[in-house]
Amino acid sequence: AAKWMDPSLSATLDQMPGNLQGVNAQVEQVALGTYGMIAVELEGDAGESLNIADGNTAKITMPVPSSMISAAPAEIQLWSYNKEFGLWVEESTATLQGDKYVGDVSHFSFWNCDIPYDYVNLEMTLVDDNGIPLNNYVVTLTLGSSNALSSGSGYTDQNGNVSGFIPGNEVLTMNILDVCGDVLSTQDIGPFSVDTDLGDIT
């Protein structure tokens, strides 16, 4: 069974495991911008889980959407999803061949073609006109459109606070949604080169 996840669709962010956080080959945490993911599961005739034998590899091919091809690098890192730690781990590379990324993998799970970014922590507090904290509101942050898709979201707590890691030195589009899912505000923020607290946002 295999499923490709289109990096140009925001629905991919809801279908993928974890978020776009990874650990690179130098064991550094990074934020990720995806050019596509694929999930592969292998089963035997009796339903037993199978995988690639030790010392062997398989070739995976993922299309690059036409809206992203002009920004797609000739070579990109391949990351697999580590369920134990809830992070993507850099393992190998894929090369752009026409409008597809092609790379070799040593096991099957979720695989992701990503550009790594330095990350910083961003905090903010949502309040109403009277300064009362707004809880269970959603803040989404998205990087680029022609760039690799990188997005995340978080819910405000009972004090109206929300925080998380974001790509550093990048302009992000921030949407604030109320408890019904209606977009109340959209604005570009950043770039941020250090951990930042935006304070109260009314």
C-alpha atoms as a PDB file:
ATOM      1  CA  ALA A   1       0.000   0.000   0.000  1.00  0.00           C
ATOM      2  CA  ALA A   2       1.350   3.416  -0.911  1.00  0.00           C
ATOM      3  CA  LYS A   3       0.051   6.981  -0.761  1.00  0.00           C
ATOM      4  CA  TRP A   4       1.702  10.143  -2.083  1.00  0.00           C
ATOM      5  CA  MET A   5       0.888  13.376  -0.237  1.00  0.00           C
ATOM      6  CA  ASP A   6       0.760  16.505  -2.383  1.00  0.00           C
ATOM      7  CA  PRO A   7       2.910  19.248  -0.803  1.00  0.00           C
ATOM      8  CA  SER A   8       0.859  21.965  -2.531  1.00  0.00           C
ATOM      9  CA  LEU A   9      -2.299  20.974  -0.605  1.00  0.00           C
ATOM     10  CA  SER A  10      -2.882  22.126   2.967  1.00  0.00           C
ATOM     11  CA  ALA A  11      -4.761  18.832   3.569  1.00  0.00           C
ATOM     12  CA  THR A  12      -1.344  17.129   3.594  1.00  0.00           C
ATOM     13  CA  LEU A  13      -0.579  18.868   6.882  1.00  0.00           C
ATOM     14  CA  ASP A  14      -3.595  17.125   8.448  1.00  0.00           C
ATOM     15  CA  GLN A  15      -2.762  13.706   6.998  1.00  0.00           C
ATOM     16  CA  MET A  16       0.961  13.483   7.734  1.00  0.00           C
ATOM     17  CA  PRO A  17       2.358  12.138  11.004  1.00  0.00           C
ATOM     18  CA  GLY A  18       3.745  14.643  13.516  1.00  0.00           C
ATOM     19  CA  ASN A  19       4.668  18.093  12.301  1.00  0.00           C
ATOM     20  CA  LEU A  20       7.410  19.484  10.101  1.00  0.00           C
ATOM     21  CA  GLN A  21      10.168  19.183  12.686  1.00  0.00           C
ATOM     22  CA  GLY A  22      13.244  17.091  12.083  1.00  0.00           C
ATOM     23  CA  VAL A  23      16.737  16.100  13.126  1.00  0.00           C
ATOM     24  CA  ASN A  24      19.423  16.519  10.480  1.00  0.00           C
ATOM     25  CA  ALA A  25      22.546  14.421   9.883  1.00  0.00           C
ATOM     26  CA  GLN A  26      24.454  16.617  12.364  1.00  0.00           C
ATOM     27  CA  VAL A  27      21.845  15.764  15.062  1.00  0.00           C
ATOM     28  CA  GLU A  28      20.482  19.331  15.042  1.00  0.00           C
ATOM     29  CA  GLN A  29      16.776  20.083  15.303  1.00  0.00           C
ATOM     30  CA  VAL A  30      15.413  21.897  12.255  1.00  0.00           C
ATOM     31  CA  ALA A  31      12.114  23.092  10.815  1.00  0.00           C
ATOM     32  CA  LEU A  32      11.207  21.541   7.463  1.00  0.00           C
ATOM     33  CA  GLY A  33       9.645  22.675   4.212  1.00  0.00           C
ATOM     34  CA  THR A  34       8.215  19.757   2.255  1.00  0.00           C
ATOM     35  CA  TYR A  35       8.242  19.025  -1.467  1.00  0.00           C
ATOM     36  CA  GLY A  36       6.179  15.871  -0.945  1.00  0.00           C
ATOM     37  CA  MET A  37       5.754  12.759   1.162  1.00  0.00           C
ATOM     38  CA  ILE A  38       5.009   9.132   0.539  1.00  0.00           C
ATOM     39  CA  ALA A  39       3.782   6.434   2.901  1.00  0.00           C
ATOM     40  CA  VAL A  40       4.538   2.801   2.049  1.00  0.00           C
ATOM     41  CA  GLU A  41       3.495  -0.368   3.898  1.00  0.00           C
ATOM     42  CA  LEU A  42       4.380  -3.896   2.803  1.00  0.00           C
ATOM     43  CA  GLU A  43       2.509  -7.029   3.889  1.00  0.00           C
ATOM     44  CA  GLY A  44       2.965 -10.713   3.171  1.00  0.00           C
ATOM     45  CA  ASP A  45       0.211 -13.104   2.109  1.00  0.00           C
ATOM     46  CA  ALA A  46      -0.677 -13.785   5.738  1.00  0.00           C
ATOM     47  CA  GLY A  47      -0.836 -10.083   6.609  1.00  0.00           C
ATOM     48  CA  GLU A  48       2.583 -10.023   8.271  1.00  0.00           C
ATOM     49  CA  SER A  49       4.524  -6.753   8.132  1.00  0.00           C
ATOM     50  CA  LEU A  50       7.452  -6.788   5.716  1.00  0.00           C
ATOM     51  CA  ASN A  51      10.306  -4.413   5.036  1.00  0.00           C
ATOM     52  CA  ILE A  52      13.395  -4.114   2.856  1.00  0.00           C
ATOM     53  CA  ALA A  53      16.069  -6.675   3.747  1.00  0.00           C
ATOM     54  CA  ASP A  54      19.192  -5.369   5.491  1.00  0.00           C
ATOM     55  CA  GLY A  55      21.832  -4.166   3.053  1.00  0.00           C
ATOM     56  CA  ASN A  56      19.304  -3.555   0.277  1.00  0.00           C
ATOM     57  CA  THR A  57      17.517  -0.424  -0.962  1.00  0.00           C
ATOM     58  CA  ALA A  58      14.461   0.457  -3.001  1.00  0.00           C
ATOM     59  CA  LYS A  59      13.895   3.419  -5.292  1.00  0.00           C
ATOM     60  CA  ILE A  60      11.076   5.862  -4.579  1.00  0.00           C
ATOM     61  CA  THR A  61       9.758   8.458  -7.008  1.00  0.00           C
ATOM     62  CA  MET A  62       7.607  11.435  -6.046  1.00  0.00           C
ATOM     63  CA  PRO A  63       6.133  14.027  -8.432  1.00  0.00           C
ATOM     64  CA  VAL A  64       6.769  17.740  -7.826  1.00  0.00           C
ATOM     65  CA  PRO A  65       3.662  19.899  -8.354  1.00  0.00           C
ATOM     66  CA  SER A  66       3.935  22.333 -11.275  1.00  0.00           C
ATOM     67  CA  SER A  67       3.393  25.249  -8.864  1.00  0.00           C
ATOM     68  CA  MET A  68       6.582  24.297  -6.983  1.00  0.00           C
ATOM     69  CA  ILE A  69       8.887  23.061  -9.740  1.00  0.00           C
ATOM     70  CA  SER A  70      10.591  26.407 -10.388  1.00  0.00           C
ATOM     71  CA  ALA A  71      11.780  26.598  -6.768  1.00  0.00           C
ATOM     72  CA  ALA A  72      12.636  22.890  -6.419  1.00  0.00           C
ATOM     73  CA  PRO A  73      16.359  22.270  -5.740  1.00  0.00           C
ATOM     74  CA  ALA A  74      18.266  19.819  -7.959  1.00  0.00           C
ATOM     75  CA  GLU A  75      19.043  17.707  -4.867  1.00  0.00           C
ATOM     76  CA  ILE A  76      16.990  17.517  -1.701  1.00  0.00           C
ATOM     77  CA  GLN A  77      17.294  15.685   1.616  1.00  0.00           C
ATOM     78  CA  LEU A  78      15.155  12.587   2.235  1.00  0.00           C
ATOM     79  CA  TRP A  79      13.751  12.213   5.747  1.00  0.00           C
ATOM     80  CA  SER A  80      11.980   9.237   7.346  1.00  0.00           C
ATOM     81  CA  TYR A  81       9.492   9.552  10.187  1.00  0.00           C
ATOM     82  CA  ASN A  82      10.615   8.210  13.569  1.00  0.00           C
ATOM     83  CA  LYS A  83       7.465   7.196  15.471  1.00  0.00           C
ATOM     84  CA  GLU A  84       9.293   6.817  18.784  1.00  0.00           C
ATOM     85  CA  PHE A  85      10.446  10.443  18.882  1.00  0.00           C
ATOM     86  CA  GLY A  86       7.755  12.014  16.678  1.00  0.00           C
ATOM     87  CA  LEU A  87      10.365  13.620  14.408  1.00  0.00           C
ATOM     88  CA  TRP A  88      11.603  13.371  10.821  1.00  0.00           C
ATOM     89  CA  VAL A  89      15.179  12.078  10.543  1.00  0.00           C
ATOM     90  CA  GLU A  90      17.518  12.939   7.660  1.00  0.00           C
ATOM     91  CA  GLU A  91      18.746   9.733   5.992  1.00  0.00           C
ATOM     92  CA  SER A  92      19.645  10.260   2.339  1.00  0.00           C
ATOM     93  CA  THR A  93      18.985  12.465  -0.693  1.00  0.00           C
ATOM     94  CA  ALA A  94      16.805  12.526  -3.784  1.00  0.00           C
ATOM     95  CA  THR A  95      17.578  14.145  -7.132  1.00  0.00           C
ATOM     96  CA  LEU A  96      15.234  16.085  -9.381  1.00  0.00           C
ATOM     97  CA  GLN A  97      14.699  14.167 -12.617  1.00  0.00           C
ATOM     98  CA  GLY A  98      12.357  16.178 -14.818  1.00  0.00           C
ATOM     99  CA  ASP A  99       9.360  16.903 -12.593  1.00  0.00           C
ATOM    100  CA  LYS A 100      10.011  14.093 -10.084  1.00  0.00           C
ATOM    101  CA  TYR A 101      12.267  13.482  -7.111  1.00  0.00           C
ATOM    102  CA  VAL A 102      13.968  10.074  -7.175  1.00  0.00           C
ATOM    103  CA  GLY A 103      15.928   8.546  -4.309  1.00  0.00           C
ATOM    104  CA  ASP A 104      16.975   5.269  -2.696  1.00  0.00           C
ATOM    105  CA  VAL A 105      15.654   4.226   0.722  1.00  0.00           C
ATOM    106  CA  SER A 106      16.720   1.418   3.044  1.00  0.00           C
ATOM    107  CA  HIS A 107      13.339   0.819   4.724  1.00  0.00           C
ATOM    108  CA  PHE A 108       9.689   1.658   4.218  1.00  0.00           C
ATOM    109  CA  SER A 109       7.616   3.968   6.370  1.00  0.00           C
ATOM    110  CA  PHE A 110       6.817   7.643   5.731  1.00  0.00           C
ATOM    111  CA  TRP A 111       9.392   9.406   3.542  1.00  0.00           C
ATOM    112  CA  ASN A 112       9.582  13.154   3.043  1.00  0.00           C
ATOM    113  CA  CYS A 113      11.508  15.397   0.595  1.00  0.00           C
ATOM    114  CA  ASP A 114      12.395  18.480   2.645  1.00  0.00           C
ATOM    115  CA  ILE A 115      14.475  21.614   2.832  1.00  0.00           C
ATOM    116  CA  PRO A 116      15.689  22.227   6.411  1.00  0.00           C
ATOM    117  CA  TYR A 117      15.438  25.634   8.077  1.00  0.00           C
ATOM    118  CA  ASP A 118      16.894  26.968  11.287  1.00  0.00           C
ATOM    119  CA  TYR A 119      14.107  27.419  13.794  1.00  0.00           C
ATOM    120  CA  VAL A 120      13.201  29.804  16.585  1.00  0.00           C
ATOM    121  CA  ASN A 121      10.485  29.748  19.234  1.00  0.00           C
ATOM    122  CA  LEU A 122       7.542  32.118  18.764  1.00  0.00           C
ATOM    123  CA  GLU A 123       5.066  33.025  21.504  1.00  0.00           C
ATOM    124  CA  MET A 124       1.964  35.214  21.607  1.00  0.00           C
ATOM    125  CA  THR A 125      -1.162  35.823  23.686  1.00  0.00           C
ATOM    126  CA  LEU A 126      -4.607  36.395  22.172  1.00  0.00           C
ATOM    127  CA  VAL A 127      -6.959  38.735  24.036  1.00  0.00           C
ATOM    128  CA  ASP A 128     -10.273  40.436  23.247  1.00  0.00           C
ATOM    129  CA  ASP A 129     -10.950  44.202  23.288  1.00  0.00           C
ATOM    130  CA  ASN A 130     -11.260  44.094  27.084  1.00  0.00           C
ATOM    131  CA  GLY A 131      -7.955  42.272  27.564  1.00  0.00           C
ATOM    132  CA  ILE A 132      -9.639  38.963  28.412  1.00  0.00           C
ATOM    133  CA  PRO A 133      -7.644  35.918  27.194  1.00  0.00           C
ATOM    134  CA  LEU A 134      -9.116  33.969  24.282  1.00  0.00           C
ATOM    135  CA  ASN A 135      -8.776  30.219  24.774  1.00  0.00           C
ATOM    136  CA  ASN A 136      -9.184  27.448  22.172  1.00  0.00           C
ATOM    137  CA  TYR A 137      -8.461  29.839  19.309  1.00  0.00           C
ATOM    138  CA  VAL A 138      -6.242  28.480  16.538  1.00  0.00           C
ATOM    139  CA  VAL A 139      -3.127  30.207  15.196  1.00  0.00           C
ATOM    140  CA  THR A 140      -1.724  28.836  11.926  1.00  0.00           C
ATOM    141  CA  LEU A 141       1.606  29.850  10.408  1.00  0.00           C
ATOM    142  CA  THR A 142       2.485  29.025   6.796  1.00  0.00           C
ATOM    143  CA  LEU A 143       5.704  29.518   4.871  1.00  0.00           C
ATOM    144  CA  GLY A 144       5.487  30.325   1.181  1.00  0.00           C
ATOM    145  CA  SER A 145       3.425  29.102  -1.718  1.00  0.00           C
ATOM    146  CA  SER A 146       5.950  28.537  -4.509  1.00  0.00           C
ATOM    147  CA  ASN A 147       8.417  27.542  -1.782  1.00  0.00           C
ATOM    148  CA  ALA A 148       8.227  24.207  -0.009  1.00  0.00           C
ATOM    149  CA  LEU A 149       5.124  23.914   2.113  1.00  0.00           C
ATOM    150  CA  SER A 150       5.827  24.421   5.784  1.00  0.00           C
ATOM    151  CA  SER A 151       2.960  25.055   8.129  1.00  0.00           C
ATOM    152  CA  GLY A 152       1.870  24.434  11.663  1.00  0.00           C
ATOM    153  CA  SER A 153      -0.855  25.383  14.073  1.00  0.00           C
ATOM    154  CA  GLY A 154      -1.548  25.581  17.762  1.00  0.00           C
ATOM    155  CA  TYR A 155      -4.452  26.208  20.124  1.00  0.00           C
ATOM    156  CA  THR A 156      -4.380  28.930  22.744  1.00  0.00           C
ATOM    157  CA  ASP A 157      -4.547  27.742  26.344  1.00  0.00           C
ATOM    158  CA  GLN A 158      -6.819  29.093  29.102  1.00  0.00           C
ATOM    159  CA  ASN A 159      -4.552  32.146  29.371  1.00  0.00           C
ATOM    160  CA  GLY A 160      -4.708  32.856  25.632  1.00  0.00           C
ATOM    161  CA  ASN A 161      -1.085  31.730  25.168  1.00  0.00           C
ATOM    162  CA  VAL A 162       0.258  29.761  22.219  1.00  0.00           C
ATOM    163  CA  SER A 163       3.862  28.995  21.304  1.00  0.00           C
ATOM    164  CA  GLY A 164       5.954  26.729  19.112  1.00  0.00           C
ATOM    165  CA  PHE A 165       8.925  26.346  16.807  1.00  0.00           C
ATOM    166  CA  ILE A 166       8.871  28.159  13.458  1.00  0.00           C
ATOM    167  CA  PRO A 167      11.342  28.488  10.558  1.00  0.00           C
ATOM    168  CA  GLY A 168      13.798  31.279  11.362  1.00  0.00           C
ATOM    169  CA  ASN A 169      14.618  34.162   9.027  1.00  0.00           C
ATOM    170  CA  GLU A 170      11.476  33.609   6.940  1.00  0.00           C
ATOM    171  CA  VAL A 171       8.303  35.623   6.377  1.00  0.00           C
ATOM    172  CA  LEU A 172       5.251  33.644   7.528  1.00  0.00           C
ATOM    173  CA  THR A 173       1.532  34.112   6.955  1.00  0.00           C
ATOM    174  CA  MET A 174      -0.380  34.023  10.237  1.00  0.00           C
ATOM    175  CA  ASN A 175      -4.083  33.184  10.398  1.00  0.00           C
ATOM    176  CA  ILE A 176      -6.089  33.453  13.611  1.00  0.00           C
ATOM    177  CA  LEU A 177      -9.259  31.348  13.761  1.00  0.00           C
ATOM    178  CA  ASP A 178     -12.011  31.493  16.370  1.00  0.00           C
ATOM    179  CA  VAL A 179     -13.556  28.455  18.087  1.00  0.00           C
ATOM    180  CA  CYS A 180     -15.938  27.999  15.112  1.00  0.00           C
ATOM    181  CA  GLY A 181     -13.032  27.890  12.658  1.00  0.00           C
ATOM    182  CA  ASP A 182     -13.746  31.302  11.113  1.00  0.00           C
ATOM    183  CA  VAL A 183     -10.663  33.306  10.102  1.00  0.00           C
ATOM    184  CA  LEU A 184     -10.570  36.507  12.161  1.00  0.00           C
ATOM    185  CA  SER A 185      -7.217  37.851  11.013  1.00  0.00           C
ATOM    186  CA  THR A 186      -4.566  37.236   8.368  1.00  0.00           C
ATOM    187  CA  GLN A 187      -1.192  38.957   8.311  1.00  0.00           C
ATOM    188  CA  ASP A 188       2.430  38.389   7.375  1.00  0.00           C
ATOM    189  CA  ILE A 189       4.887  38.267  10.263  1.00  0.00           C
ATOM    190  CA  GLY A 190       8.646  37.889  10.538  1.00  0.00           C
ATOM    191  CA  PRO A 191      11.338  37.210   9.692  1.00  0.00           C
ATOM    192  CA  PHE A 192      12.542  36.270  13.190  1.00  0.00           C
ATOM    193  CA  SER A 193      16.194  35.406  13.810  1.00  0.00           C
ATOM    194  CA  VAL A 194      15.855  34.816  17.579  1.00  0.00           C
ATOM    195  CA  ASP A 195      13.212  33.479  19.969  1.00  0.00           C
ATOM    196  CA  THR A 196      10.401  36.052  20.003  1.00  0.00           C
ATOM    197  CA  ASP A 197       7.377  36.890  22.157  1.00  0.00           C
ATOM    198  CA  LEU A 198       4.842  38.988  20.240  1.00  0.00           C
ATOM    199  CA  GLY A 199       3.024  39.782  23.486  1.00  0.00           C
ATOM    200  CA  ASP A 200      -0.718  40.498  23.448  1.00  0.00           C
ATOM    201  CA  ILE A 201      -2.552  40.394  20.136  1.00  0.00           C
ATOM    202  CA  THR A 202      -6.036  41.894  20.313  1.00  0.00           C
END
